[in-house]
Protein backbone atom coordinates (compact mmCIF):
# COMPACT_ATOMS: atom_id res chain seq x y z
CA MET A 1 18.26 2.73 21.09
CA GLN A 2 16.48 3.24 17.78
CA GLU A 3 16.91 0.80 14.94
CA THR A 4 19.05 1.89 12.00
CA GLU A 5 17.32 2.49 8.67
CA GLN A 6 18.62 3.35 5.22
CA MET A 7 17.23 6.24 3.19
CA HIS A 8 17.98 6.51 -0.54
CA LEU A 9 17.35 9.87 -2.19
CA HIS A 10 17.43 11.03 -5.80
CA ILE A 11 17.40 14.84 -5.74
CA ARG A 12 16.51 16.88 -8.83
CA GLY A 13 16.75 20.59 -9.51
CA ARG A 14 19.68 23.00 -9.39
CA VAL A 15 21.79 20.77 -7.14
CA GLN A 16 25.15 20.57 -8.88
CA GLY A 17 27.70 23.38 -8.70
CA VAL A 18 26.14 24.85 -5.54
CA PHE A 19 27.97 22.79 -2.85
CA TYR A 20 24.91 20.58 -2.39
CA ARG A 21 26.87 17.37 -1.71
CA ALA A 22 29.27 19.08 0.70
CA SER A 23 26.41 20.73 2.58
CA ALA A 24 24.46 17.47 2.77
CA ARG A 25 27.58 15.70 4.03
CA GLN A 26 28.11 18.35 6.69
CA GLU A 27 24.51 17.96 7.87
CA ALA A 28 24.73 14.15 7.83
CA VAL A 29 27.93 14.22 9.88
CA ARG A 30 26.31 16.66 12.34
CA LEU A 31 23.43 14.20 12.73
CA GLY A 32 25.78 11.20 13.12
CA LEU A 33 24.56 9.49 9.94
CA THR A 34 26.63 7.31 7.61
CA GLY A 35 26.40 6.91 3.83
CA TRP A 36 27.37 8.91 0.75
CA ALA A 37 26.34 11.50 -1.82
CA ARG A 38 27.31 11.82 -5.48
CA ASN A 39 26.53 13.81 -8.61
CA CYS A 40 24.74 11.93 -11.36
CA PRO A 41 25.26 12.46 -15.11
CA ASP A 42 21.71 13.83 -15.50
CA GLY A 43 22.45 16.78 -13.17
CA SER A 44 20.79 15.28 -10.11
CA VAL A 45 22.33 14.19 -6.81
CA GLU A 46 21.99 10.70 -5.35
CA LEU A 47 22.33 10.27 -1.59
CA VAL A 48 22.23 7.28 0.75
CA ALA A 49 22.05 7.86 4.50
CA GLN A 50 21.78 5.46 7.42
CA GLY A 51 20.84 6.01 11.02
CA PRO A 52 17.80 6.30 13.28
CA HIS A 53 14.64 7.18 11.34
CA PRO A 54 14.08 10.59 13.01
CA LEU A 55 17.63 11.68 12.13
CA CYS A 56 17.23 10.49 8.53
CA GLU A 57 13.99 12.51 8.37
CA GLU A 58 15.89 15.56 9.63
CA LEU A 59 18.44 15.14 6.83
CA LEU A 60 15.57 14.74 4.36
CA ARG A 61 14.12 18.08 5.51
CA PHE A 62 17.53 19.67 4.95
CA CYS A 63 17.73 18.10 1.48
CA HIS A 64 14.42 19.70 0.48
CA GLU A 65 16.03 23.12 1.07
CA GLY A 66 19.70 22.52 0.31
CA PRO A 67 22.40 25.17 0.61
CA PRO A 68 22.08 28.77 -0.62
CA GLY A 69 22.00 28.77 -4.41
CA ALA A 70 20.32 25.38 -4.68
CA ARG A 71 16.81 24.85 -6.00
CA VAL A 72 15.26 21.50 -5.20
CA ASP A 73 12.44 20.56 -7.56
CA GLU A 74 11.83 16.94 -6.60
CA ILE A 75 13.16 14.24 -4.27
CA ASP A 76 12.43 10.55 -4.76
CA VAL A 77 12.74 8.75 -1.41
CA SER A 78 12.96 5.04 -0.71
CA TRP A 79 13.59 3.27 2.59
CA GLY A 80 15.38 -0.02 3.07
CA GLU A 81 17.53 -2.23 5.22
CA PRO A 82 20.85 -0.73 6.32
CA SER A 83 24.18 -1.91 4.99
CA THR A 84 27.23 -2.66 7.11
CA GLU A 85 29.58 -1.12 4.54
CA TYR A 86 29.27 2.52 5.70
CA VAL A 87 31.33 3.78 8.63
CA ASP A 88 31.11 7.50 7.88
CA PHE A 89 29.49 9.84 5.36
CA THR A 90 31.49 10.45 2.19
CA ILE A 91 31.25 12.23 -1.11
CA ARG A 92 31.62 9.91 -4.06
CA TYR A 93 33.11 11.22 -7.26
CA ARG A 94 32.48 10.37 -10.88
CA GLY A 95 32.91 6.85 -12.04
CA GLY A 96 31.07 3.65 -11.34
CA TRP A 97 27.67 5.01 -12.42
């Protein structure tokens, strides 16, 4: 079994108002990843995903494209130790920036 890793993304471009978070969640669930995605006040999307490295990389590839209507200009990626707090993949809503 592969070791769990955590991937933290900050996605910039036309990523709000185009179902980006919902599409990323659907892909993460399909891959069996846990974590969350949320809109940020600056118009970007922040996403944290956990799971085996190859599956996180597959989600990252999806995030570079996004759903129809999205335009991804830049993604900042960082890798870290996984957290035990995530049991599924959720969409977080405004508040607690």
